[in-house]
Amino acid sequence: MTVPETDAVARTDTGEALRPHAEDAFADELEALAAADDRPRPARWRLSPWAVATYLLGGTLSDGTVITPKYVGPRRIVEVAVTTLATDRALLLLGVPGTAKTWVSEHLAAAISGDSTLLVQGTAGTPEEAIRYGWNYARLLAHGPSRDALVPSPVMRAMADGMTARVEELTRIPADVQDTLITILSEKTLPIPELGQEQQAVRGFNLIATANDRDRGVNDLSSALRRRFNTVVLPLPETAEAEVDIVARRVGQIGRSLDLPAAPDGFDEIRRVVTVFRELRDGITTDGRTKVKSPSGTLSTAEAISVVTGGLALAAHFGDGVLRSGDVAAGILGAVVRDPAADRVVWQEYLETVVRERDGWKDFYRACREVSG
């Protein structure tokens, strides 16, 4: 059954959206930044480049308003990304899974244009119409080709309104569809040959694309298209402390949106999850003494967030609300053992040679052994 538009809007307005868009979830911060921002703004930008970077990295404004960090990482990366979008050059956020590419893309669009929803989700089946335009076939058959029969894509709408468009997972899109972007990014125009017209981009238009390092070789970008982007690589967190901080912040945000109670003593378990993921990811223990085998999965920060959030839900609904080893053990097993044969051997070896011998980790070892069978 189709939900009436008015009902959907009302439900969003009452704060019942499961995952509000960035411009809605952080509306107060964006408003405070706009009020305090007296620096030059590019055409049609809601904030200056300085304020956009502050929104992503966090800080305290002169009136005492605290801007929470949306991205924890090198400041220069954010500055280069924002500066790129202030020019006419498109931005490509590249990195391994779980490095917050989509998260950064969404928040950049929210801060710059006030709208992060002009989105094309890249898949192997993404058609050319998703980037250019489509047609309302009822109107097309009734009245022939016209602007009224044309259905603009998110990219076309962004060009017309001087907004920021987003293309997720660009390298998953077929190469011939990818190349639709070349004229848009180089000439800043989208031809509409059926009407003998074109859609020119107005000032303020730009595009953010994301791509996954692991997808190299799926649909590699042509050299012509790659030249149209300034590529910024988002790295994994440099230190365990930084990664623990990221996981704790995001779990807290997700937990509040799901009405889960805060875990009073959950920081130790977060640190354990992050330690396990980093050691298996890097192939060596944190003290540098023991080499370990790495499983087939990525064990990204995003997966650590998922494991801890799942553990928090278990503790809230089936425990006493305190996050313990038993609450995260099953999630860790699911994240590590993607290949039932090879990864299980890697996990068992890691448990017996590293976790079992680590001081203060006996409860964690027992919980992991129990779920591992």
Protein backbone atom coordinates (compact mmCIF):
# COMPACT_ATOMS: atom_id res chain seq x y z
CA MET A 1 0.00 0.00 0.00
CA THR A 2 1.34 3.45 -0.91
CA VAL A 3 1.71 5.81 2.03
CA PRO A 4 0.18 9.24 1.30
CA GLU A 5 2.82 11.91 0.92
CA THR A 6 1.33 14.05 3.68
CA ASP A 7 1.54 11.16 6.14
CA ALA A 8 5.17 10.50 5.26
CA VAL A 9 6.06 14.16 5.71
CA ALA A 10 4.22 14.35 9.03
CA ARG A 11 5.95 11.25 10.32
CA THR A 12 9.38 12.69 9.45
CA ASP A 13 8.52 16.04 11.01
CA THR A 14 7.69 14.39 14.33
CA GLY A 15 11.18 12.96 14.51
CA GLU A 16 10.20 9.35 13.83
CA ALA A 17 12.59 8.84 10.93
CA LEU A 18 14.80 5.89 11.79
CA ARG A 19 17.85 7.53 10.28
CA PRO A 20 17.33 11.28 9.69
CA HIS A 21 19.30 12.98 6.95
CA ALA A 22 22.37 14.86 8.16
CA GLU A 23 20.78 18.26 7.55
CA ASP A 24 17.88 17.24 9.81
CA ALA A 25 19.82 15.38 12.50
CA PHE A 26 22.30 18.24 12.95
CA ALA A 27 20.05 21.16 12.03
CA ASP A 28 20.84 23.06 15.24
CA GLU A 29 24.59 22.87 14.63
CA LEU A 30 24.23 23.97 11.01
CA GLU A 31 22.04 26.89 12.08
CA ALA A 32 24.52 27.95 14.76
CA LEU A 33 27.40 27.77 12.29
CA ALA A 34 25.49 29.83 9.72
CA ALA A 35 24.75 32.49 12.32
CA ALA A 36 28.38 32.70 13.45
CA ASP A 37 29.90 32.41 9.98
CA ASP A 38 31.12 35.76 8.67
CA ARG A 39 33.60 34.43 6.13
CA PRO A 40 33.19 34.52 2.33
CA ARG A 41 30.93 31.81 0.91
CA PRO A 42 31.06 30.43 -2.62
CA ALA A 43 27.93 30.92 -4.71
CA ARG A 44 24.88 29.15 -3.25
CA TRP A 45 26.84 27.64 -0.35
CA ARG A 46 25.04 27.68 3.00
CA LEU A 47 28.36 27.98 4.86
CA SER A 48 31.89 29.15 4.15
CA PRO A 49 34.59 26.54 3.52
CA TRP A 50 35.92 27.21 7.04
CA ALA A 51 32.50 26.56 8.58
CA VAL A 52 32.00 23.38 6.51
CA ALA A 53 35.33 22.04 7.80
CA THR A 54 34.39 23.01 11.36
CA TYR A 55 31.07 21.19 10.97
CA LEU A 56 32.86 17.98 9.96
CA LEU A 57 35.78 18.17 12.38
CA GLY A 58 34.04 19.72 15.37
CA GLY A 59 34.85 22.71 17.53
CA THR A 60 33.41 25.35 19.84
CA LEU A 61 31.92 28.55 18.44
CA SER A 62 32.35 32.00 19.97
CA ASP A 63 28.88 31.79 21.55
CA GLY A 64 29.79 28.52 23.28
CA THR A 65 27.94 26.22 20.86
CA VAL A 66 29.71 22.86 20.64
CA ILE A 67 29.95 21.37 17.15
CA THR A 68 30.35 17.60 17.43
CA PRO A 69 32.94 15.91 15.20
CA LYS A 70 31.43 14.03 12.27
CA TYR A 71 34.80 12.79 11.00
CA VAL A 72 37.80 11.88 13.12
CA GLY A 73 40.93 11.99 11.00
CA PRO A 74 43.59 14.28 9.53
CA ARG A 75 42.32 17.85 9.25
CA ARG A 76 44.14 18.39 5.95
CA ILE A 77 42.04 15.68 4.28
CA VAL A 78 38.83 17.53 5.10
CA GLU A 79 40.32 20.87 4.09
CA VAL A 80 41.40 19.50 0.69
CA ALA A 81 37.96 17.94 0.14
CA VAL A 82 36.12 21.16 1.00
CA THR A 83 38.49 23.30 -1.07
CA THR A 84 38.00 20.99 -4.06
CA LEU A 85 34.23 21.49 -3.90
CA ALA A 86 34.73 25.26 -3.75
CA THR A 87 36.25 25.03 -7.24
CA ASP A 88 34.60 23.56 -10.34
CA ARG A 89 36.40 20.26 -9.87
CA ALA A 90 34.46 17.20 -8.67
CA LEU A 91 35.53 15.23 -5.60
CA LEU A 92 36.22 11.48 -5.46
CA LEU A 93 36.42 9.97 -1.96
CA LEU A 94 38.41 6.77 -2.19
CA GLY A 95 39.18 4.19 0.48
CA VAL A 96 38.73 0.69 1.80
CA PRO A 97 35.30 -0.31 3.14
CA GLY A 98 34.36 1.32 6.41
CA THR A 99 36.43 4.50 6.13
CA ALA A 100 33.35 6.76 6.31
CA LYS A 101 33.24 7.72 2.63
CA THR A 102 29.44 7.82 2.48
CA TRP A 103 29.25 9.50 5.89
CA VAL A 104 31.67 12.27 4.83
CA SER A 105 29.92 12.66 1.48
CA GLU A 106 26.53 13.11 3.13
CA HIS A 107 27.76 15.65 5.66
CA LEU A 108 29.64 17.65 3.04
CA ALA A 109 26.47 17.93 0.94
CA ALA A 110 24.38 18.81 4.00
CA ALA A 111 26.75 21.59 5.08
CA ILE A 112 27.27 23.02 1.59
CA SER A 113 23.81 22.75 0.04
CA GLY A 114 21.53 21.99 2.99
CA ASP A 115 20.35 18.90 1.13
CA SER A 116 22.14 15.55 1.07
CA THR A 117 19.38 13.67 -0.78
CA LEU A 118 20.44 14.33 -4.39
CA LEU A 119 21.91 10.83 -4.52
CA VAL A 120 22.63 8.23 -7.19
CA GLN A 121 23.32 4.80 -5.70
CA GLY A 122 25.78 2.97 -7.92
CA THR A 123 25.20 -0.72 -8.69
CA ALA A 124 25.95 -3.07 -11.55
CA GLY A 125 22.43 -2.33 -12.80
CA THR A 126 22.51 1.47 -12.59
CA PRO A 127 21.13 2.77 -15.92
CA GLU A 128 22.22 5.88 -17.78
CA GLU A 129 18.90 7.53 -16.88
CA ALA A 130 19.88 7.55 -13.20
CA ILE A 131 22.64 10.05 -14.01
CA ARG A 132 21.09 11.93 -16.98
CA TYR A 133 17.28 11.90 -17.09
CA GLY A 134 14.33 9.63 -17.81
CA TRP A 135 10.83 10.04 -19.18
CA ASN A 136 7.30 9.94 -17.86
CA TYR A 137 6.04 7.57 -20.53
CA ALA A 138 2.36 8.38 -20.04
CA ARG A 139 3.04 12.05 -20.82
CA LEU A 140 5.55 11.14 -23.52
CA LEU A 141 2.98 9.00 -25.37
CA ALA A 142 0.19 11.50 -24.88
CA HIS A 143 2.00 14.72 -25.78
CA GLY A 144 5.39 13.75 -27.22
CA PRO A 145 8.83 14.82 -25.97
CA SER A 146 8.66 17.89 -23.76
CA ARG A 147 10.12 19.27 -20.56
CA ASP A 148 6.96 18.21 -18.72
CA ALA A 149 7.54 14.61 -19.79
CA LEU A 150 11.18 14.65 -18.71
CA VAL A 151 12.11 13.16 -15.32
CA PRO A 152 15.35 14.76 -14.10
CA SER A 153 17.97 12.70 -12.30
CA PRO A 154 19.42 13.88 -8.98
CA VAL A 155 22.48 15.10 -10.91
CA MET A 156 20.36 17.10 -13.33
CA ARG A 157 18.38 18.65 -10.46
CA ALA A 158 21.64 19.62 -8.76
CA MET A 159 22.85 21.26 -11.98
CA ALA A 160 19.66 23.29 -12.31
CA ASP A 161 19.61 24.44 -8.67
CA GLY A 162 23.34 24.91 -8.04
CA MET A 163 23.46 22.10 -5.48
CA THR A 164 25.81 19.25 -4.56
CA ALA A 165 24.99 15.87 -6.08
CA ARG A 166 26.32 12.55 -4.77
CA VAL A 167 27.20 9.33 -6.60
CA GLU A 168 27.82 6.36 -4.33
CA GLU A 169 30.02 3.39 -5.34
CA LEU A 170 31.05 4.89 -8.67
CA THR A 171 33.22 1.91 -9.65
CA ARG A 172 30.24 -0.44 -9.37
CA ILE A 173 28.48 1.42 -12.18
CA PRO A 174 29.06 0.03 -15.71
CA ALA A 175 31.83 1.87 -17.56
CA ASP A 176 29.57 3.20 -20.34
CA VAL A 177 27.21 4.68 -17.73
CA GLN A 178 30.13 6.16 -15.77
CA ASP A 179 31.23 8.03 -18.87
CA THR A 180 27.91 9.88 -18.90
CA LEU A 181 29.55 12.08 -16.26
CA ILE A 182 32.41 13.23 -18.52
CA THR A 183 30.45 15.92 -20.36
CA ILE A 184 28.67 16.96 -17.16
CA LEU A 185 31.94 17.44 -15.29
CA SER A 186 34.01 18.92 -18.11
CA GLU A 187 31.49 21.09 -19.97
CA LYS A 188 29.14 21.63 -17.02
CA THR A 189 26.22 20.88 -19.31
CA LEU A 190 23.85 17.99 -19.94
CA PRO A 191 22.60 17.71 -23.54
CA ILE A 192 18.94 16.78 -24.10
CA PRO A 193 19.04 15.80 -27.81
CA GLU A 194 15.38 14.70 -27.88
CA LEU A 195 14.38 18.32 -27.24
CA GLY A 196 17.29 20.05 -28.92
CA GLN A 197 18.07 21.61 -25.54
CA GLU A 198 20.58 21.32 -22.73
CA GLN A 199 20.70 21.73 -18.99
CA GLN A 200 23.54 23.98 -18.01
CA ALA A 201 24.93 23.83 -14.49
CA VAL A 202 24.46 27.01 -12.51
CA ARG A 203 27.07 28.26 -10.06
CA GLY A 204 27.19 26.20 -6.91
CA PHE A 205 26.84 22.85 -8.67
CA ASN A 206 29.36 20.15 -7.91
CA LEU A 207 29.52 16.41 -7.46
CA ILE A 208 30.91 14.07 -4.81
CA ALA A 209 31.55 10.45 -5.75
CA THR A 210 32.72 7.59 -3.56
CA ALA A 211 34.61 4.47 -4.60
CA ASN A 212 35.87 1.41 -2.83
CA ASP A 213 39.52 0.34 -2.99
CA ARG A 214 38.41 -3.28 -2.96
CA ASP A 215 36.41 -2.72 -6.17
CA ARG A 216 39.43 -2.02 -8.35
CA GLY A 217 39.08 -4.11 -11.46
CA VAL A 218 35.26 -4.24 -11.24
CA ASN A 219 34.57 -1.17 -13.38
CA ASP A 220 37.74 0.90 -13.32
CA LEU A 221 37.34 4.59 -14.09
CA SER A 222 38.51 5.66 -17.53
CA SER A 223 41.45 8.04 -17.55
CA ALA A 224 39.17 10.70 -19.07
CA LEU A 225 36.72 10.45 -16.17
CA ARG A 226 39.37 10.16 -13.48
CA ARG A 227 40.92 13.43 -14.68
CA ARG A 228 37.64 15.18 -13.91
CA PHE A 229 37.95 14.34 -10.22
CA ASN A 230 40.27 15.41 -7.47
CA THR A 231 40.82 12.19 -5.50
CA VAL A 232 41.01 12.25 -1.71
CA VAL A 233 41.90 8.98 0.01
CA LEU A 234 40.22 8.41 3.38
CA PRO A 235 42.53 6.26 5.52
CA LEU A 236 41.71 3.87 8.31
CA PRO A 237 42.19 5.43 11.78
CA GLU A 238 45.89 5.78 12.51
CA THR A 239 45.74 4.75 16.17
CA ALA A 240 43.66 2.44 18.29
CA GLU A 241 42.62 5.38 20.47
CA ALA A 242 41.25 7.24 17.47
CA GLU A 243 39.31 4.19 16.32
CA VAL A 244 37.91 3.56 19.81
CA ASP A 245 36.76 7.17 19.92
CA ILE A 246 35.05 6.88 16.52
CA VAL A 247 33.28 3.64 17.49
CA ALA A 248 32.16 5.01 20.87
CA ARG A 249 30.77 8.20 19.30
CA ARG A 250 28.86 6.45 16.53
CA VAL A 251 27.52 3.74 18.81
CA GLY A 252 26.27 6.45 21.16
CA GLN A 253 24.51 8.26 18.30
CA ILE A 254 22.97 5.07 16.92
CA GLY A 255 21.98 3.89 20.39
CA ARG A 256 20.12 7.13 21.10
CA SER A 257 18.27 6.91 17.78
CA LEU A 258 17.16 3.36 18.68
CA ASP A 259 16.28 4.30 22.28
CA LEU A 260 18.93 1.96 23.64
CA PRO A 261 20.30 2.76 27.09
CA ALA A 262 23.88 3.95 27.36
CA ALA A 263 26.27 1.17 28.33
CA PRO A 264 27.84 2.38 31.60
CA ASP A 265 30.81 0.04 31.51
CA GLY A 266 31.00 -0.69 27.80
CA PHE A 267 34.21 1.16 27.00
CA ASP A 268 36.39 -1.86 27.79
CA GLU A 269 34.43 -4.03 25.38
CA ILE A 270 34.66 -1.39 22.65
CA ARG A 271 38.41 -1.32 23.15
CA ARG A 272 38.58 -5.12 22.90
CA VAL A 273 36.56 -5.20 19.68
CA VAL A 274 38.76 -2.51 18.13
CA THR A 275 41.93 -4.29 19.28
CA VAL A 276 40.81 -7.61 17.77
CA PHE A 277 39.87 -5.98 14.48
CA ARG A 278 43.10 -4.00 14.21
CA GLU A 279 45.33 -6.98 15.02
CA LEU A 280 43.60 -9.28 12.54
CA ARG A 281 43.54 -6.51 9.95
CA ASP A 282 47.24 -5.65 10.38
CA GLY A 283 48.45 -9.24 10.79
CA ILE A 284 50.35 -8.48 14.00
CA THR A 285 49.51 -7.89 17.66
CA THR A 286 49.59 -4.38 19.10
CA ASP A 287 52.85 -5.06 20.95
CA GLY A 288 54.49 -6.17 17.70
CA ARG A 289 55.57 -9.51 19.14
CA THR A 290 53.22 -11.97 17.45
CA LYS A 291 52.29 -12.26 13.81
CA VAL A 292 48.75 -13.43 13.10
CA LYS A 293 46.93 -14.46 9.96
CA SER A 294 44.36 -12.09 8.50
CA PRO A 295 40.87 -13.28 7.53
CA SER A 296 39.20 -12.56 4.20
CA GLY A 297 36.94 -9.77 5.52
CA THR A 298 37.85 -6.09 5.83
CA LEU A 299 37.17 -5.74 9.59
CA SER A 300 36.55 -2.05 9.15
CA THR A 301 35.63 0.59 11.69
CA ALA A 302 32.06 0.47 10.36
CA GLU A 303 31.90 -3.26 11.15
CA ALA A 304 33.22 -2.62 14.65
CA ILE A 305 30.42 -0.08 15.13
CA SER A 306 27.89 -2.68 13.98
CA VAL A 307 29.27 -5.33 16.34
CA VAL A 308 29.17 -3.03 19.36
CA THR A 309 25.70 -1.70 18.49
CA GLY A 310 24.41 -5.27 18.22
CA GLY A 311 26.03 -6.10 21.54
CA LEU A 312 24.44 -3.06 23.16
CA ALA A 313 21.01 -4.18 21.93
CA LEU A 314 21.61 -7.64 23.40
CA ALA A 315 22.63 -6.16 26.73
CA ALA A 316 19.59 -3.88 26.77
CA HIS A 317 16.95 -6.42 25.78
CA PHE A 318 18.31 -9.70 27.14
CA GLY A 319 20.70 -8.61 29.87
CA ASP A 320 21.04 -6.05 32.60
CA GLY A 321 22.02 -3.20 30.28
CA VAL A 322 25.75 -3.57 30.94
CA LEU A 323 27.78 -4.37 27.80
CA ARG A 324 29.86 -7.49 28.40
CA SER A 325 32.05 -9.86 26.40
CA GLY A 326 29.20 -12.28 25.77
CA ASP A 327 27.22 -9.53 24.07
CA VAL A 328 29.86 -8.79 21.41
CA ALA A 329 31.34 -12.28 20.92
CA ALA A 330 28.78 -13.50 18.37
CA GLY A 331 29.06 -10.27 16.38
CA ILE A 332 32.85 -10.57 16.23
CA LEU A 333 32.58 -14.16 15.05
CA GLY A 334 30.18 -13.13 12.29
CA ALA A 335 32.47 -10.29 11.18
CA VAL A 336 35.65 -12.37 11.16
CA VAL A 337 34.43 -15.69 9.77
CA ARG A 338 33.18 -14.85 6.29
CA ASP A 339 34.76 -17.92 4.68
CA PRO A 340 33.54 -20.82 6.87
CA ALA A 341 36.61 -22.92 6.17
CA ALA A 342 39.67 -20.65 5.95
CA ASP A 343 38.48 -17.85 8.25
CA ARG A 344 37.44 -20.22 11.01
CA VAL A 345 40.98 -21.61 11.16
CA VAL A 346 42.38 -18.06 11.35
CA TRP A 347 39.96 -17.16 14.16
CA GLN A 348 40.62 -20.29 16.21
CA GLU A 349 44.37 -19.80 15.92
CA TYR A 350 44.06 -16.16 17.01
CA LEU A 351 41.92 -17.13 19.99
CA GLU A 352 44.35 -19.75 21.23
CA THR A 353 47.64 -17.97 20.58
CA VAL A 354 46.71 -14.38 21.40
CA VAL A 355 43.42 -13.94 23.26
CA ARG A 356 43.88 -16.89 25.60
CA GLU A 357 47.26 -15.63 26.81
CA ARG A 358 46.28 -11.98 27.26
CA ASP A 359 45.93 -10.71 30.83
CA GLY A 360 42.44 -9.61 31.76
CA TRP A 361 40.83 -11.20 28.72
CA LYS A 362 39.71 -14.51 30.24
CA ASP A 363 36.02 -13.59 30.14
CA PHE A 364 36.35 -12.48 26.54
CA TYR A 365 38.17 -15.70 25.62
CA ARG A 366 35.47 -17.86 27.24
CA ALA A 367 32.66 -15.94 25.52
CA CYS A 368 34.33 -16.25 22.11
CA ARG A 369 35.06 -19.95 22.62
CA GLU A 370 31.42 -20.55 23.55
CA VAL A 371 29.98 -18.97 20.39
CA SER A 372 32.71 -20.50 18.22
CA GLY A 373 31.70 -24.00 19.20
